[in-house]
Amino acid sequence: MIPGPVKSLARTVGLTRPRVAAARMACERATLAVAGTRRERPGGRVLCYHSVGQPECGVNDVTPGRFRHQIELALRLGYRFVPAATIAEGNGEAWDLAITFDDGWRSVLEAAEPILRDHAIPWTLFVVSGWLDRPGSGPGGVLSWREVEALASAGAEIGSHSVTHPDFGRISPERAAEELEGSRRSIAARLGLRPESFAIPLGQSANWTPDAARAAQYAGYRIIYAQAVETRPLGTIGRSFVTHFDNDLVFGALLKGAYDAWEEWT
């Protein structure tokens, strides 16, 4: 929730809620890059991206040039890219990184995949099945099933990101089960594979419940990814959220754990 004084200031200067949130995010990440506590991750780190060159995605969007630079910077620093499951299953090492994408934006195919292919990097895509089943039901600019199938054939791991991208912290246990089971069924029908991994929509500590966790296990998911490494819900795998504002200073701090206790402000 946005504090009252911040709302008042926003009205005074004519800022919208998304712009206020974006400005605060930029300030917080810049501050933590300088003053944040570094936290060792002996088992590796999973990175969470969304889009690569789709400005309509706002704070979730990383430009193609910056994405390529971040990959190459990590490699120069001595990091090794591994499948996300390697880290999730406890088989990662301190200098291991994994790449994941949420939502299924078209720029992942058009901009990110060629960069990942150039560097032979394994990666995971979490799709919102209802947006693909019913074009127009979700935001514009997302992939089609045919394009997701092409990415899977090229080696990308496909996981679920639910049917409609709800806040699992606010829906009933019955709805949670429908979102989890329905997405897995749809992916199986379209791609001939049953995903074992699920990424929580929104991904913060308040966006998941014990009922949802039980429903995910019953649906057949083996790995549940969240964000916010230190505040993630019990039984989930934390990921480090890469944002539009992450220059070299911020990205380097992210790799060292400066944002492990940070959650996106909404």
Foldseek 3Di string as FASTA:
>chain_A
DDDPVLVVVCVVVVHDPVVSLLVVVLVVLVVLLVVFDFDFDFLEAEAEAAAACDCVVPFRYAHLVQVLVLVVVLVVVPAAEDDPVCSQVRNGGRRYYAYEYEAAFPRCLVRVVVSCVVVVHEYEYAHQLQCQVDPPLDDPRGDHLVSVLVVVVVHHHYHHAWNRLDQQLPDDLVVLLCRQLVRQVSCCVSNVDGEQEYEYRLQFQSRHDPSSVVSNVVSRHDAYEGEQQPRHDPPHHYHHYDTHNQDPSSSVSSSRPSRSRPHRDD
